[in-house]
Amino acid sequence: MDSTAWIIVSLIALFLLGQFAFLYRSKGMQGRVAPDMTDLLSEAQKAQPRLIFYFHSPRCGMCKQVWPILKPLMDERFDIIEVDVSKRPDVARRFKVMGTPTLMRVQEGRIEKVMMGAKDEKTIRDFVEAP
């Protein structure tokens, strides 16, 4: 193989390794105690046993794909908390968010499930509406 082919193969391998690392880290967050987020929550949200945090960034292309699916759900539900990581990087750090978009379901103070990246409408709805 010539040097150009090696460079391309190496870049693809690095990309795949990075994706695997993100997935592995998100799975490792599940079951952990969620950080205290009372400063972000309304009184009604504080009373909820389950909350969903949506981490996004204005310059994120995949976030723009997720928004038209998630926005109507956010309008009809008050258990989804929107976090713009460009305005609240402290919150993203507390939750150890590595990329956007990220949906995180917190049940009774524990991170129950994490979903990273753009997904289809059914997958997002299933994540949000899961019992």
Protein backbone atom coordinates (compact mmCIF):
# COMPACT_ATOMS: atom_id res chain seq x y z
CA MET A 1 0.00 0.00 0.00
CA ASP A 2 1.29 3.47 -0.76
CA SER A 3 1.50 6.23 1.86
CA THR A 4 -1.79 7.87 0.82
CA ALA A 5 -3.69 4.64 1.40
CA TRP A 6 -2.04 4.21 4.82
CA ILE A 7 -3.03 7.73 5.79
CA ILE A 8 -6.64 7.16 4.75
CA VAL A 9 -6.82 3.82 6.57
CA SER A 10 -5.26 5.40 9.67
CA LEU A 11 -7.74 8.28 9.66
CA ILE A 12 -10.68 5.91 9.31
CA ALA A 13 -9.32 3.76 12.14
CA LEU A 14 -8.91 6.83 14.38
CA PHE A 15 -12.45 7.96 13.61
CA LEU A 16 -13.87 4.52 14.44
CA LEU A 17 -11.81 4.34 17.62
CA GLY A 18 -13.16 7.74 18.68
CA GLN A 19 -16.73 6.63 18.04
CA PHE A 20 -16.16 3.48 20.07
CA ALA A 21 -14.70 5.55 22.93
CA PHE A 22 -17.79 7.82 22.98
CA LEU A 23 -20.12 4.83 23.02
CA TYR A 24 -18.13 3.07 25.74
CA ARG A 25 -18.06 6.17 27.93
CA SER A 26 -21.80 6.81 27.53
CA LYS A 27 -22.57 3.22 28.55
CA GLY A 28 -20.32 3.67 31.59
CA MET A 29 -22.37 6.67 32.75
CA GLN A 30 -25.54 4.60 33.01
CA GLY A 31 -26.39 3.70 36.60
CA ARG A 32 -24.28 6.45 38.13
CA VAL A 33 -25.67 9.11 40.43
CA ALA A 34 -26.66 12.19 38.44
CA PRO A 35 -25.13 15.51 39.48
CA ASP A 36 -27.27 17.98 41.41
CA MET A 37 -29.21 20.04 38.88
CA THR A 38 -31.68 21.88 41.10
CA ASP A 39 -30.41 25.20 39.70
CA LEU A 40 -31.75 24.20 36.25
CA LEU A 41 -35.13 22.86 37.31
CA SER A 42 -38.52 24.43 37.85
CA GLU A 43 -40.50 23.44 40.94
CA ALA A 44 -42.66 21.12 38.82
CA GLN A 45 -39.57 19.46 37.36
CA LYS A 46 -38.02 18.98 40.81
CA ALA A 47 -41.06 16.92 41.79
CA GLN A 48 -40.66 14.55 38.82
CA PRO A 49 -39.07 11.15 39.47
CA ARG A 50 -37.77 11.11 35.89
CA LEU A 51 -36.22 13.86 33.79
CA ILE A 52 -34.66 13.96 30.34
CA PHE A 53 -31.77 16.30 29.63
CA TYR A 54 -31.18 17.35 26.03
CA PHE A 55 -27.64 18.64 25.49
CA HIS A 56 -27.11 20.52 22.23
CA SER A 57 -25.04 23.23 20.59
CA PRO A 58 -26.13 25.90 18.08
CA ARG A 59 -23.35 24.93 15.64
CA CYS A 60 -24.02 21.19 15.82
CA GLY A 61 -25.33 19.82 12.51
CA MET A 62 -26.79 16.67 14.06
CA CYS A 63 -28.57 18.80 16.71
CA LYS A 64 -30.35 20.60 13.88
CA GLN A 65 -31.60 17.22 12.63
CA VAL A 66 -32.88 16.23 16.09
CA TRP A 67 -34.54 19.58 16.91
CA PRO A 68 -37.64 19.23 14.65
CA ILE A 69 -38.36 15.89 16.32
CA LEU A 70 -37.65 16.95 19.89
CA LYS A 71 -39.21 20.44 19.89
CA PRO A 72 -42.87 19.24 19.70
CA LEU A 73 -42.15 16.77 22.51
CA MET A 74 -40.67 19.56 24.61
CA ASP A 75 -43.74 21.72 23.97
CA GLU A 76 -46.10 19.05 25.31
CA ARG A 77 -43.95 17.76 28.18
CA PHE A 78 -42.24 19.59 31.02
CA ASP A 79 -39.84 16.79 31.99
CA ILE A 80 -37.37 17.57 29.17
CA ILE A 81 -34.66 20.05 30.13
CA GLU A 82 -32.83 21.73 27.27
CA VAL A 83 -29.15 22.51 27.90
CA ASP A 84 -27.23 24.61 25.38
CA VAL A 85 -23.64 23.53 26.07
CA SER A 86 -22.25 26.72 24.53
CA LYS A 87 -24.08 28.73 27.22
CA ARG A 88 -23.83 26.19 30.05
CA PRO A 89 -20.55 24.27 29.65
CA ASP A 90 -20.52 23.81 33.42
CA VAL A 91 -23.64 21.64 33.21
CA ALA A 92 -22.18 19.58 30.35
CA ARG A 93 -19.03 19.02 32.43
CA ARG A 94 -21.05 17.97 35.49
CA PHE A 95 -22.83 15.37 33.38
CA LYS A 96 -19.59 14.46 31.55
CA VAL A 97 -21.21 15.07 28.17
CA MET A 98 -18.65 14.42 25.43
CA GLY A 99 -20.61 15.44 22.35
CA THR A 100 -23.88 16.79 21.06
CA PRO A 101 -26.64 15.97 20.63
CA THR A 102 -26.96 13.89 23.79
CA LEU A 103 -30.17 12.81 25.47
CA MET A 104 -29.85 11.63 29.04
CA ARG A 105 -32.67 10.05 31.04
CA VAL A 106 -32.36 10.50 34.81
CA GLN A 107 -34.61 8.36 37.00
CA GLU A 108 -34.78 9.09 40.74
CA GLY A 109 -31.36 10.72 40.78
CA ARG A 110 -29.53 8.12 38.68
CA ILE A 111 -28.53 8.26 35.04
CA GLU A 112 -30.72 5.56 33.56
CA LYS A 113 -29.87 5.79 29.85
CA VAL A 114 -27.75 7.90 27.51
CA MET A 115 -28.30 8.36 23.78
CA MET A 116 -25.70 10.19 21.70
CA GLY A 117 -25.94 11.44 18.14
CA ALA A 118 -28.78 12.02 15.69
CA LYS A 119 -31.42 9.30 15.62
CA ASP A 120 -34.64 8.74 13.74
CA GLU A 121 -37.98 9.97 15.11
CA LYS A 122 -39.11 6.58 16.43
CA THR A 123 -35.87 6.05 18.38
CA ILE A 124 -36.08 9.53 19.94
CA ARG A 125 -39.77 9.13 20.82
CA ASP A 126 -39.13 5.69 22.32
CA PHE A 127 -36.30 7.14 24.42
CA VAL A 128 -38.41 10.06 25.67
CA GLU A 129 -41.64 8.13 26.20
CA ALA A 130 -40.15 4.99 27.76
CA PRO A 131 -41.87 4.04 31.03
